[in-house]
Amino acid sequence: MSKKDKNKGSGGYIYSTDPGFNFKEPEPEEQSIPPNQQDLRVMLDKKNRSGKAVTLITGYLGKEDDLITLGKYLKTKCGSGGTVKDGEILIQGDFRQKILQILLSEGYKAKQSGG
């Protein structure tokens, strides 16, 4: 057994001379929730965007990396720009129906929300 393998559980700390040091276990990472358990909402949003419409997808639970991957996939399918921030996906333009069909075909539980 190598030296690295022995210290795996301690995160690299073996001994500390700091009297106030408290070892804390690293928090477990968020696990990805399967698409069929996601409850996504697809809506059109024009607020604070100078009257320009964006399609907003909210309600995603899981890792930030998976959300970014889904956002990139949707932007590619719609042929439009957008961003992922604050746990929401914003796609430039009104693509509610197209995004709803894409999400349902990928196995996500999605609904259209708002007018």
PDB file of N, CA and C in Angstrom:
ATOM      1  N   MET A   1       0.851  -1.169   0.000  1.00  0.00           N
ATOM      2  CA  MET A   1       0.000   0.000   0.000  1.00  0.00           C
ATOM      3  C   MET A   1       0.893   1.227   0.000  1.00  0.00           C
ATOM      4  N   SER A   2       0.662   2.138  -0.928  1.00  0.00           N
ATOM      5  CA  SER A   2       1.507   3.319  -1.017  1.00  0.00           C
ATOM      6  C   SER A   2       1.092   4.361   0.018  1.00  0.00           C
ATOM      7  N   LYS A   3       1.921   5.351   0.187  1.00  0.00           N
ATOM      8  CA  LYS A   3       1.674   6.397   1.169  1.00  0.00           C
ATOM      9  C   LYS A   3       0.418   7.203   0.812  1.00  0.00           C
ATOM     10  N   LYS A   4       0.193   7.421  -0.469  1.00  0.00           N
ATOM     11  CA  LYS A   4      -0.972   8.168  -0.916  1.00  0.00           C
ATOM     12  C   LYS A   4      -2.264   7.464  -0.527  1.00  0.00           C
ATOM     13  N   ASP A   5      -2.324   6.154  -0.689  1.00  0.00           N
ATOM     14  CA  ASP A   5      -3.537   5.388  -0.395  1.00  0.00           C
ATOM     15  C   ASP A   5      -3.900   5.441   1.081  1.00  0.00           C
ATOM     16  N   LYS A   6      -2.920   5.496   1.960  1.00  0.00           N
ATOM     17  CA  LYS A   6      -3.182   5.522   3.390  1.00  0.00           C
ATOM     18  C   LYS A   6      -3.881   6.813   3.820  1.00  0.00           C
ATOM     19  N   ASN A   7      -3.566   7.922   3.170  1.00  0.00           N
ATOM     20  CA  ASN A   7      -4.060   9.226   3.597  1.00  0.00           C
ATOM     21  C   ASN A   7      -5.291   9.682   2.805  1.00  0.00           C
ATOM     22  N   LYS A   8      -5.899   8.807   2.043  1.00  0.00           N
ATOM     23  CA  LYS A   8      -7.021   9.191   1.200  1.00  0.00           C
ATOM     24  C   LYS A   8      -8.191   9.743   1.999  1.00  0.00           C
ATOM     25  N   GLY A   9      -8.539   9.141   3.112  1.00  0.00           N
ATOM     26  CA  GLY A   9      -9.688   9.545   3.895  1.00  0.00           C
ATOM     27  C   GLY A   9      -9.498  10.866   4.617  1.00  0.00           C
ATOM     28  N   SER A  10      -8.266  11.277   4.844  1.00  0.00           N
ATOM     29  CA  SER A  10      -8.021  12.506   5.594  1.00  0.00           C
ATOM     30  C   SER A  10      -7.857  13.709   4.679  1.00  0.00           C
ATOM     31  N   GLY A  11      -7.957  13.541   3.373  1.00  0.00           N
ATOM     32  CA  GLY A  11      -7.846  14.652   2.451  1.00  0.00           C
ATOM     33  C   GLY A  11      -6.447  15.232   2.362  1.00  0.00           C
ATOM     34  N   GLY A  12      -5.444  14.490   2.775  1.00  0.00           N
ATOM     35  CA  GLY A  12      -4.073  14.949   2.693  1.00  0.00           C
ATOM     36  C   GLY A  12      -3.521  15.465   4.011  1.00  0.00           C
ATOM     37  N   TYR A  13      -4.364  15.694   5.028  1.00  0.00           N
ATOM     38  CA  TYR A  13      -3.893  16.150   6.327  1.00  0.00           C
ATOM     39  C   TYR A  13      -3.508  14.946   7.176  1.00  0.00           C
ATOM     40  N   ILE A  14      -2.322  14.981   7.718  1.00  0.00           N
ATOM     41  CA  ILE A  14      -1.879  13.907   8.583  1.00  0.00           C
ATOM     42  C   ILE A  14      -1.810  14.405  10.019  1.00  0.00           C
ATOM     43  N   TYR A  15      -1.228  15.595  10.191  1.00  0.00           N
ATOM     44  CA  TYR A  15      -1.056  16.135  11.529  1.00  0.00           C
ATOM     45  C   TYR A  15      -0.986  17.653  11.415  1.00  0.00           C
ATOM     46  N   SER A  16      -1.598  18.350  12.345  1.00  0.00           N
ATOM     47  CA  SER A  16      -1.545  19.799  12.351  1.00  0.00           C
ATOM     48  C   SER A  16      -1.090  20.281  13.720  1.00  0.00           C
ATOM     49  N   THR A  17      -0.197  21.267  13.728  1.00  0.00           N
ATOM     50  CA  THR A  17       0.267  21.848  14.984  1.00  0.00           C
ATOM     51  C   THR A  17      -0.613  23.004  15.432  1.00  0.00           C
ATOM     52  N   ASP A  18      -1.590  23.360  14.631  1.00  0.00           N
ATOM     53  CA  ASP A  18      -2.508  24.447  14.971  1.00  0.00           C
ATOM     54  C   ASP A  18      -3.480  23.966  16.040  1.00  0.00           C
ATOM     55  N   PRO A  19      -3.491  24.586  17.246  1.00  0.00           N
ATOM     56  CA  PRO A  19      -4.379  24.107  18.303  1.00  0.00           C
ATOM     57  C   PRO A  19      -5.861  24.295  17.973  1.00  0.00           C
ATOM     58  N   GLY A  20      -6.196  25.211  17.085  1.00  0.00           N
ATOM     59  CA  GLY A  20      -7.593  25.448  16.740  1.00  0.00           C
ATOM     60  C   GLY A  20      -8.049  24.679  15.508  1.00  0.00           C
ATOM     61  N   PHE A  21      -7.215  23.782  15.007  1.00  0.00           N
ATOM     62  CA  PHE A  21      -7.555  23.051  13.789  1.00  0.00           C
ATOM     63  C   PHE A  21      -8.572  21.949  14.076  1.00  0.00           C
ATOM     64  N   ASN A  22      -9.644  21.945  13.319  1.00  0.00           N
ATOM     65  CA  ASN A  22     -10.640  20.877  13.394  1.00  0.00           C
ATOM     66  C   ASN A  22     -10.767  20.260  12.012  1.00  0.00           C
ATOM     67  N   PHE A  23     -10.533  18.982  11.928  1.00  0.00           N
ATOM     68  CA  PHE A  23     -10.644  18.292  10.652  1.00  0.00           C
ATOM     69  C   PHE A  23     -12.109  18.102  10.292  1.00  0.00           C
ATOM     70  N   LYS A  24     -12.468  18.507   9.083  1.00  0.00           N
ATOM     71  CA  LYS A  24     -13.843  18.342   8.607  1.00  0.00           C
ATOM     72  C   LYS A  24     -13.821  17.430   7.388  1.00  0.00           C
ATOM     73  N   GLU A  25     -14.697  16.474   7.398  1.00  0.00           N
ATOM     74  CA  GLU A  25     -14.819  15.578   6.256  1.00  0.00           C
ATOM     75  C   GLU A  25     -15.348  16.367   5.062  1.00  0.00           C
ATOM     76  N   PRO A  26     -14.861  16.088   3.861  1.00  0.00           N
ATOM     77  CA  PRO A  26     -15.399  16.775   2.688  1.00  0.00           C
ATOM     78  C   PRO A  26     -16.866  16.389   2.474  1.00  0.00           C
ATOM     79  N   GLU A  27     -17.658  17.386   2.053  1.00  0.00           N
ATOM     80  CA  GLU A  27     -19.076  17.122   1.824  1.00  0.00           C
ATOM     81  C   GLU A  27     -19.251  16.293   0.559  1.00  0.00           C
ATOM     82  N   PRO A  28     -20.184  15.359   0.579  1.00  0.00           N
ATOM     83  CA  PRO A  28     -20.411  14.562  -0.623  1.00  0.00           C
ATOM     84  C   PRO A  28     -20.983  15.428  -1.745  1.00  0.00           C
ATOM     85  N   GLU A  29     -20.622  15.083  -2.969  1.00  0.00           N
ATOM     86  CA  GLU A  29     -21.108  15.835  -4.126  1.00  0.00           C
ATOM     87  C   GLU A  29     -22.591  15.569  -4.346  1.00  0.00           C
ATOM     88  N   GLU A  30     -23.258  16.556  -4.973  1.00  0.00           N
ATOM     89  CA  GLU A  30     -24.654  16.357  -5.342  1.00  0.00           C
ATOM     90  C   GLU A  30     -24.725  15.239  -6.372  1.00  0.00           C
ATOM     91  N   GLN A  31     -25.755  14.433  -6.255  1.00  0.00           N
ATOM     92  CA  GLN A  31     -25.925  13.377  -7.233  1.00  0.00           C
ATOM     93  C   GLN A  31     -26.898  13.841  -8.300  1.00  0.00           C
ATOM     94  N   SER A  32     -26.697  13.347  -9.491  1.00  0.00           N
ATOM     95  CA  SER A  32     -27.594  13.701 -10.579  1.00  0.00           C
ATOM     96  C   SER A  32     -28.915  12.980 -10.411  1.00  0.00           C
ATOM     97  N   ILE A  33     -29.978  13.721 -10.609  1.00  0.00           N
ATOM     98  CA  ILE A  33     -31.313  13.143 -10.553  1.00  0.00           C
ATOM     99  C   ILE A  33     -31.668  12.718 -11.973  1.00  0.00           C
ATOM    100  N   PRO A  34     -32.232  11.533 -12.149  1.00  0.00           N
ATOM    101  CA  PRO A  34     -32.567  11.084 -13.493  1.00  0.00           C
ATOM    102  C   PRO A  34     -33.571  12.031 -14.160  1.00  0.00           C
ATOM    103  N   PRO A  35     -33.524  12.132 -15.488  1.00  0.00           N
ATOM    104  CA  PRO A  35     -34.407  13.052 -16.201  1.00  0.00           C
ATOM    105  C   PRO A  35     -35.900  12.843 -15.918  1.00  0.00           C
ATOM    106  N   ASN A  36     -36.329  11.599 -15.713  1.00  0.00           N
ATOM    107  CA  ASN A  36     -37.758  11.368 -15.504  1.00  0.00           C
ATOM    108  C   ASN A  36     -38.235  11.858 -14.138  1.00  0.00           C
ATOM    109  N   GLN A  37     -37.320  12.228 -13.235  1.00  0.00           N
ATOM    110  CA  GLN A  37     -37.698  12.764 -11.934  1.00  0.00           C
ATOM    111  C   GLN A  37     -37.530  14.283 -11.871  1.00  0.00           C
ATOM    112  N   GLN A  38     -37.035  14.889 -12.938  1.00  0.00           N
ATOM    113  CA  GLN A  38     -36.901  16.341 -13.003  1.00  0.00           C
ATOM    114  C   GLN A  38     -38.264  16.950 -13.312  1.00  0.00           C
ATOM    115  N   ASP A  39     -38.574  18.080 -12.700  1.00  0.00           N
ATOM    116  CA  ASP A  39     -39.828  18.778 -12.960  1.00  0.00           C
ATOM    117  C   ASP A  39     -39.482  20.154 -13.510  1.00  0.00           C
ATOM    118  N   LEU A  40     -39.316  20.239 -14.830  1.00  0.00           N
ATOM    119  CA  LEU A  40     -38.874  21.470 -15.471  1.00  0.00           C
ATOM    120  C   LEU A  40     -40.060  22.302 -15.934  1.00  0.00           C
ATOM    121  N   ARG A  41     -39.898  23.608 -15.889  1.00  0.00           N
ATOM    122  CA  ARG A  41     -40.900  24.557 -16.368  1.00  0.00           C
ATOM    123  C   ARG A  41     -40.282  25.363 -17.495  1.00  0.00           C
ATOM    124  N   VAL A  42     -41.008  25.459 -18.610  1.00  0.00           N
ATOM    125  CA  VAL A  42     -40.553  26.205 -19.776  1.00  0.00           C
ATOM    126  C   VAL A  42     -41.476  27.404 -19.939  1.00  0.00           C
ATOM    127  N   MET A  43     -40.899  28.608 -19.949  1.00  0.00           N
ATOM    128  CA  MET A  43     -41.724  29.809 -20.059  1.00  0.00           C
ATOM    129  C   MET A  43     -41.032  30.882 -20.877  1.00  0.00           C
ATOM    130  N   LEU A  44     -41.816  31.845 -21.350  1.00  0.00           N
ATOM    131  CA  LEU A  44     -41.298  32.987 -22.087  1.00  0.00           C
ATOM    132  C   LEU A  44     -41.125  34.132 -21.098  1.00  0.00           C
ATOM    133  N   ASP A  45     -40.001  34.821 -21.178  1.00  0.00           N
ATOM    134  CA  ASP A  45     -39.726  35.907 -20.254  1.00  0.00           C
ATOM    135  C   ASP A  45     -39.244  37.120 -21.037  1.00  0.00           C
ATOM    136  N   LYS A  46     -39.821  38.302 -20.726  1.00  0.00           N
ATOM    137  CA  LYS A  46     -39.409  39.550 -21.368  1.00  0.00           C
ATOM    138  C   LYS A  46     -38.996  40.603 -20.344  1.00  0.00           C
ATOM    139  N   LYS A  47     -39.075  40.288 -19.075  1.00  0.00           N
ATOM    140  CA  LYS A  47     -38.800  41.266 -18.030  1.00  0.00           C
ATOM    141  C   LYS A  47     -37.317  41.629 -17.974  1.00  0.00           C
ATOM    142  N   ASN A  48     -37.051  42.916 -17.849  1.00  0.00           N
ATOM    143  CA  ASN A  48     -35.700  43.453 -17.721  1.00  0.00           C
ATOM    144  C   ASN A  48     -34.782  43.032 -18.868  1.00  0.00           C
ATOM    145  N   ARG A  49     -35.343  42.890 -20.060  1.00  0.00           N
ATOM    146  CA  ARG A  49     -34.541  42.481 -21.211  1.00  0.00           C
ATOM    147  C   ARG A  49     -34.781  43.401 -22.406  1.00  0.00           C
ATOM    148  N   SER A  50     -35.176  44.619 -22.154  1.00  0.00           N
ATOM    149  CA  SER A  50     -35.443  45.611 -23.208  1.00  0.00           C
ATOM    150  C   SER A  50     -36.473  45.114 -24.215  1.00  0.00           C
ATOM    151  N   GLY A  51     -37.450  44.361 -23.769  1.00  0.00           N
ATOM    152  CA  GLY A  51     -38.516  43.881 -24.638  1.00  0.00           C
ATOM    153  C   GLY A  51     -38.161  42.656 -25.458  1.00  0.00           C
ATOM    154  N   LYS A  52     -36.945  42.164 -25.339  1.00  0.00           N
ATOM    155  CA  LYS A  52     -36.534  40.983 -26.105  1.00  0.00           C
ATOM    156  C   LYS A  52     -36.964  39.727 -25.355  1.00  0.00           C
ATOM    157  N   ALA A  53     -37.445  38.760 -26.102  1.00  0.00           N
ATOM    158  CA  ALA A  53     -37.967  37.532 -25.507  1.00  0.00           C
ATOM    159  C   ALA A  53     -36.854  36.497 -25.316  1.00  0.00           C
ATOM    160  N   VAL A  54     -36.899  35.808 -24.190  1.00  0.00           N
ATOM    161  CA  VAL A  54     -36.021  34.663 -23.947  1.00  0.00           C
ATOM    162  C   VAL A  54     -36.885  33.515 -23.438  1.00  0.00           C
ATOM    163  N   THR A  55     -36.508  32.317 -23.776  1.00  0.00           N
ATOM    164  CA  THR A  55     -37.167  31.132 -23.247  1.00  0.00           C
ATOM    165  C   THR A  55     -36.411  30.727 -21.996  1.00  0.00           C
ATOM    166  N   LEU A  56     -37.137  30.589 -20.904  1.00  0.00           N
ATOM    167  CA  LEU A  56     -36.549  30.336 -19.596  1.00  0.00           C
ATOM    168  C   LEU A  56     -36.935  28.935 -19.135  1.00  0.00           C
ATOM    169  N   ILE A  57     -35.945  28.122 -18.767  1.00  0.00           N
ATOM    170  CA  ILE A  57     -36.181  26.768 -18.257  1.00  0.00           C
ATOM    171  C   ILE A  57     -35.747  26.764 -16.797  1.00  0.00           C
ATOM    172  N   THR A  58     -36.678  26.479 -15.897  1.00  0.00           N
ATOM    173  CA  THR A  58     -36.394  26.494 -14.460  1.00  0.00           C
ATOM    174  C   THR A  58     -36.743  25.145 -13.848  1.00  0.00           C
ATOM    175  N   GLY A  59     -36.326  24.942 -12.610  1.00  0.00           N
ATOM    176  CA  GLY A  59     -36.694  23.761 -11.842  1.00  0.00           C
ATOM    177  C   GLY A  59     -35.714  22.616 -11.923  1.00  0.00           C
ATOM    178  N   TYR A  60     -34.530  22.825 -12.488  1.00  0.00           N
ATOM    179  CA  TYR A  60     -33.555  21.740 -12.608  1.00  0.00           C
ATOM    180  C   TYR A  60     -32.907  21.473 -11.261  1.00  0.00           C
ATOM    181  N   LEU A  61     -32.844  20.212 -10.878  1.00  0.00           N
ATOM    182  CA  LEU A  61     -32.176  19.795  -9.645  1.00  0.00           C
ATOM    183  C   LEU A  61     -31.022  18.883 -10.028  1.00  0.00           C
ATOM    184  N   GLY A  62     -29.871  19.107  -9.454  1.00  0.00           N
ATOM    185  CA  GLY A  62     -28.724  18.245  -9.742  1.00  0.00           C
ATOM    186  C   GLY A  62     -27.452  19.053  -9.854  1.00  0.00           C
ATOM    187  N   LYS A  63     -26.448  18.452 -10.456  1.00  0.00           N
ATOM    188  CA  LYS A  63     -25.132  19.063 -10.580  1.00  0.00           C
ATOM    189  C   LYS A  63     -25.163  20.236 -11.553  1.00  0.00           C
ATOM    190  N   GLU A  64     -24.344  21.227 -11.262  1.00  0.00           N
ATOM    191  CA  GLU A  64     -24.218  22.403 -12.126  1.00  0.00           C
ATOM    192  C   GLU A  64     -23.657  22.007 -13.494  1.00  0.00           C
ATOM    193  N   ASP A  65     -22.739  21.042 -13.516  1.00  0.00           N
ATOM    194  CA  ASP A  65     -22.151  20.602 -14.782  1.00  0.00           C
ATOM    195  C   ASP A  65     -23.208  19.986 -15.695  1.00  0.00           C
ATOM    196  N   ASP A  66     -24.135  19.215 -15.117  1.00  0.00           N
ATOM    197  CA  ASP A  66     -25.195  18.608 -15.919  1.00  0.00           C
ATOM    198  C   ASP A  66     -26.137  19.672 -16.465  1.00  0.00           C
ATOM    199  N   LEU A  67     -26.387  20.713 -15.682  1.00  0.00           N
ATOM    200  CA  LEU A  67     -27.236  21.816 -16.129  1.00  0.00           C
ATOM    201  C   LEU A  67     -26.579  22.560 -17.289  1.00  0.00           C
ATOM    202  N   ILE A  68     -25.286  22.777 -17.195  1.00  0.00           N
ATOM    203  CA  ILE A  68     -24.549  23.449 -18.265  1.00  0.00           C
ATOM    204  C   ILE A  68     -24.575  22.607 -19.533  1.00  0.00           C
ATOM    205  N   THR A  69     -24.425  21.297 -19.384  1.00  0.00           N
ATOM    206  CA  THR A  69     -24.473  20.394 -20.538  1.00  0.00           C
ATOM    207  C   THR A  69     -25.845  20.429 -21.195  1.00  0.00           C
ATOM    208  N   LEU A  70     -26.909  20.414 -20.395  1.00  0.00           N
ATOM    209  CA  LEU A  70     -28.268  20.489 -20.936  1.00  0.00           C
ATOM    210  C   LEU A  70     -28.493  21.822 -21.634  1.00  0.00           C
ATOM    211  N   GLY A  71     -28.006  22.909 -21.046  1.00  0.00           N
ATOM    212  CA  GLY A  71     -28.138  24.226 -21.670  1.00  0.00           C
ATOM    213  C   GLY A  71     -27.440  24.287 -23.013  1.00  0.00           C
ATOM    214  N   LYS A  72     -26.253  23.731 -23.088  1.00  0.00           N
ATOM    215  CA  LYS A  72     -25.506  23.718 -24.349  1.00  0.00           C
ATOM    216  C   LYS A  72     -26.234  22.882 -25.401  1.00  0.00           C
ATOM    217  N   TYR A  73     -26.791  21.759 -24.983  1.00  0.00           N
ATOM    218  CA  TYR A  73     -27.535  20.891 -25.894  1.00  0.00           C
ATOM    219  C   TYR A  73     -28.753  21.625 -26.452  1.00  0.00           C
ATOM    220  N   LEU A  74     -29.496  22.322 -25.593  1.00  0.00           N
ATOM    221  CA  LEU A  74     -30.693  23.041 -26.037  1.00  0.00           C
ATOM    222  C   LEU A  74     -30.333  24.203 -26.958  1.00  0.00           C
ATOM    223  N   LYS A  75     -29.259  24.913 -26.652  1.00  0.00           N
ATOM    224  CA  LYS A  75     -28.832  26.013 -27.516  1.00  0.00           C
ATOM    225  C   LYS A  75     -28.459  25.497 -28.892  1.00  0.00           C
ATOM    226  N   THR A  76     -27.790  24.345 -28.937  1.00  0.00           N
ATOM    227  CA  THR A  76     -27.397  23.760 -30.214  1.00  0.00           C
ATOM    228  C   THR A  76     -28.618  23.340 -31.020  1.00  0.00           C
ATOM    229  N   LYS A  77     -29.580  22.689 -30.371  1.00  0.00           N
ATOM    230  CA  LYS A  77     -30.785  22.228 -31.054  1.00  0.00           C
ATOM    231  C   LYS A  77     -31.623  23.384 -31.586  1.00  0.00           C
ATOM    232  N   CYS A  78     -31.649  24.508 -30.853  1.00  0.00           N
ATOM    233  CA  CYS A  78     -32.447  25.663 -31.274  1.00  0.00           C
ATOM    234  C   CYS A  78     -31.672  26.568 -32.232  1.00  0.00           C
ATOM    235  N   GLY A  79     -30.367  26.401 -32.315  1.00  0.00           N
ATOM    236  CA  GLY A  79     -29.557  27.252 -33.175  1.00  0.00           C
ATOM    237  C   GLY A  79     -29.550  28.689 -32.689  1.00  0.00           C
ATOM    238  N   SER A  80     -29.518  28.853 -31.401  1.00  0.00           N
ATOM    239  CA  SER A  80     -29.608  30.182 -30.812  1.00  0.00           C
ATOM    240  C   SER A  80     -28.605  30.308 -29.672  1.00  0.00           C
ATOM    241  N   GLY A  81     -28.423  31.535 -29.210  1.00  0.00           N
ATOM    242  CA  GLY A  81     -27.536  31.779 -28.076  1.00  0.00           C
ATOM    243  C   GLY A  81     -28.294  31.649 -26.774  1.00  0.00           C
ATOM    244  N   GLY A  82     -27.579  31.785 -25.701  1.00  0.00           N
ATOM    245  CA  GLY A  82     -28.201  31.703 -24.396  1.00  0.00           C
ATOM    246  C   GLY A  82     -27.150  31.554 -23.325  1.00  0.00           C
ATOM    247  N   THR A  83     -27.620  31.310 -22.116  1.00  0.00           N
ATOM    248  CA  THR A  83     -26.710  31.170 -20.986  1.00  0.00           C
ATOM    249  C   THR A  83     -27.342  30.304 -19.910  1.00  0.00           C
ATOM    250  N   VAL A  84     -26.510  29.887 -18.973  1.00  0.00           N
ATOM    251  CA  VAL A  84     -26.968  29.156 -17.793  1.00  0.00           C
ATOM    252  C   VAL A  84     -26.476  29.923 -16.584  1.00  0.00           C
ATOM    253  N   LYS A  85     -27.424  30.428 -15.775  1.00  0.00           N
ATOM    254  CA  LYS A  85     -27.018  31.094 -14.544  1.00  0.00           C
ATOM    255  C   LYS A  85     -28.117  31.009 -13.507  1.00  0.00           C
ATOM    256  N   ASP A  86     -27.704  30.972 -12.251  1.00  0.00           N
ATOM    257  CA  ASP A  86     -28.627  30.894 -11.117  1.00  0.00           C
ATOM    258  C   ASP A  86     -29.562  29.694 -11.211  1.00  0.00           C
ATOM    259  N   GLY A  87     -29.087  28.589 -11.745  1.00  0.00           N
ATOM    260  CA  GLY A  87     -29.895  27.379 -11.827  1.00  0.00           C
ATOM    261  C   GLY A  87     -30.965  27.430 -12.904  1.00  0.00           C
ATOM    262  N   GLU A  88     -30.869  28.367 -13.831  1.00  0.00           N
ATOM    263  CA  GLU A  88     -31.841  28.505 -14.905  1.00  0.00           C
ATOM    264  C   GLU A  88     -31.121  28.512 -16.246  1.00  0.00           C
ATOM    265  N   ILE A  89     -31.829  28.051 -17.274  1.00  0.00           N
ATOM    266  CA  ILE A  89     -31.300  28.086 -18.632  1.00  0.00           C
ATOM    267  C   ILE A  89     -32.075  29.152 -19.386  1.00  0.00           C
ATOM    268  N   LEU A  90     -31.366  30.087 -20.024  1.00  0.00           N
ATOM    269  CA  LEU A  90     -31.988  31.124 -20.829  1.00  0.00           C
ATOM    270  C   LEU A  90     -31.582  30.908 -22.278  1.00  0.00           C
ATOM    271  N   ILE A  91     -32.560  30.786 -23.160  1.00  0.00           N
ATOM    272  CA  ILE A  91     -32.321  30.632 -24.591  1.00  0.00           C
ATOM    273  C   ILE A  91     -32.887  31.863 -25.277  1.00  0.00           C
ATOM    274  N   GLN A  92     -32.097  32.530 -26.108  1.00  0.00           N
ATOM    275  CA  GLN A  92     -32.548  33.743 -26.773  1.00  0.00           C
ATOM    276  C   GLN A  92     -33.618  33.410 -27.806  1.00  0.00           C
ATOM    277  N   GLY A  93     -34.767  34.067 -27.706  1.00  0.00           N
ATOM    278  CA  GLY A  93     -35.857  33.870 -28.647  1.00  0.00           C
ATOM    279  C   GLY A  93     -36.982  33.050 -28.039  1.00  0.00           C
ATOM    280  N   ASP A  94     -38.070  32.952 -28.784  1.00  0.00           N
ATOM    281  CA  ASP A  94     -39.247  32.206 -28.333  1.00  0.00           C
ATOM    282  C   ASP A  94     -39.200  30.792 -28.913  1.00  0.00           C
ATOM    283  N   PHE A  95     -38.671  29.851 -28.137  1.00  0.00           N
ATOM    284  CA  PHE A  95     -38.541  28.454 -28.558  1.00  0.00           C
ATOM    285  C   PHE A  95     -39.287  27.526 -27.604  1.00  0.00           C
ATOM    286  N   ARG A  96     -40.369  28.007 -26.996  1.00  0.00           N
ATOM    287  CA  ARG A  96     -41.058  27.214 -25.968  1.00  0.00           C
ATOM    288  C   ARG A  96     -41.490  25.846 -26.481  1.00  0.00           C
ATOM    289  N   GLN A  97     -42.192  25.809 -27.612  1.00  0.00           N
ATOM    290  CA  GLN A  97     -42.695  24.535 -28.121  1.00  0.00           C
ATOM    291  C   GLN A  97     -41.572  23.592 -28.525  1.00  0.00           C
ATOM    292  N   LYS A  98     -40.562  24.121 -29.187  1.00  0.00           N
ATOM    293  CA  LYS A  98     -39.442  23.286 -29.631  1.00  0.00           C
ATOM    294  C   LYS A  98     -38.682  22.706 -28.433  1.00  0.00           C
ATOM    295  N   ILE A  99     -38.414  23.535 -27.431  1.00  0.00           N
ATOM    296  CA  ILE A  99     -37.686  23.078 -26.255  1.00  0.00           C
ATOM    297  C   ILE A  99     -38.512  22.069 -25.474  1.00  0.00           C
ATOM    298  N   LEU A 100     -39.818  22.304 -25.387  1.00  0.00           N
ATOM    299  CA  LEU A 100     -40.699  21.368 -24.692  1.00  0.00           C
ATOM    300  C   LEU A 100     -40.663  20.000 -25.367  1.00  0.00           C
ATOM    301  N   GLN A 101     -40.709  19.967 -26.684  1.00  0.00           N
ATOM    302  CA  GLN A 101     -40.636  18.698 -27.418  1.00  0.00           C
ATOM    303  C   GLN A 101     -39.282  18.020 -27.225  1.00  0.00           C
ATOM    304  N   ILE A 102     -38.213  18.796 -27.238  1.00  0.00           N
ATOM    305  CA  ILE A 102     -36.870  18.234 -27.060  1.00  0.00           C
ATOM    306  C   ILE A 102     -36.746  17.614 -25.667  1.00  0.00           C
ATOM    307  N   LEU A 103     -37.193  18.347 -24.640  1.00  0.00           N
ATOM    308  CA  LEU A 103     -37.087  17.842 -23.268  1.00  0.00           C
ATOM    309  C   LEU A 103     -37.914  16.579 -23.069  1.00  0.00           C
ATOM    310  N   LEU A 104     -39.117  16.556 -23.623  1.00  0.00           N
ATOM    311  CA  LEU A 104     -39.965  15.366 -23.489  1.00  0.00           C
ATOM    312  C   LEU A 104     -39.352  14.172 -24.221  1.00  0.00           C
ATOM    313  N   SER A 105     -38.749  14.412 -25.385  1.00  0.00           N
ATOM    314  CA  SER A 105     -38.123  13.310 -26.126  1.00  0.00           C
ATOM    315  C   SER A 105     -36.881  12.792 -25.413  1.00  0.00           C
ATOM    316  N   GLU A 106     -36.216  13.635 -24.617  1.00  0.00           N
ATOM    317  CA  GLU A 106     -35.039  13.221 -23.843  1.00  0.00           C
ATOM    318  C   GLU A 106     -35.418  12.541 -22.538  1.00  0.00           C
ATOM    319  N   GLY A 107     -36.710  12.504 -22.205  1.00  0.00           N
ATOM    320  CA  GLY A 107     -37.160  11.802 -21.012  1.00  0.00           C
ATOM    321  C   GLY A 107     -37.394  12.701 -19.808  1.00  0.00           C
ATOM    322  N   TYR A 108     -37.287  14.015 -19.986  1.00  0.00           N
ATOM    323  CA  TYR A 108     -37.535  14.934 -18.881  1.00  0.00           C
ATOM    324  C   TYR A 108     -39.035  15.135 -18.691  1.00  0.00           C
ATOM    325  N   LYS A 109     -39.415  15.411 -17.464  1.00  0.00           N
ATOM    326  CA  LYS A 109     -40.797  15.740 -17.154  1.00  0.00           C
ATOM    327  C   LYS A 109     -40.879  17.261 -17.222  1.00  0.00           C
ATOM    328  N   ALA A 110     -41.473  17.806 -18.282  1.00  0.00           N
ATOM    329  CA  ALA A 110     -41.482  19.255 -18.484  1.00  0.00           C
ATOM    330  C   ALA A 110     -42.896  19.729 -18.800  1.00  0.00           C
ATOM    331  N   LYS A 111     -43.170  20.969 -18.387  1.00  0.00           N
ATOM    332  CA  LYS A 111     -44.465  21.598 -18.647  1.00  0.00           C
ATOM    333  C   LYS A 111     -44.224  23.024 -19.113  1.00  0.00           C
ATOM    334  N   GLN A 112     -45.168  23.510 -19.921  1.00  0.00           N
ATOM    335  CA  GLN A 112     -45.121  24.907 -20.306  1.00  0.00           C
ATOM    336  C   GLN A 112     -45.772  25.719 -19.198  1.00  0.00           C
ATOM    337  N   SER A 113     -45.156  26.798 -18.819  1.00  0.00           N
ATOM    338  CA  SER A 113     -45.648  27.613 -17.724  1.00  0.00           C
ATOM    339  C   SER A 113     -45.826  29.034 -18.216  1.00  0.00           C
ATOM    340  N   GLY A 114     -46.728  29.781 -17.617  1.00  0.00           N
ATOM    341  CA  GLY A 114     -46.971  31.161 -18.035  1.00  0.00           C
ATOM    342  C   GLY A 114     -47.834  31.209 -19.273  1.00  0.00           C
ATOM    343  N   GLY A 115     -48.130  32.412 -19.736  1.00  0.00           N
ATOM    344  CA  GLY A 115     -49.051  32.607 -20.865  1.00  0.00           C
ATOM    345  C   GLY A 115     -48.505  32.218 -22.119  1.00  0.00           C
TER     346      GLY A 115
END
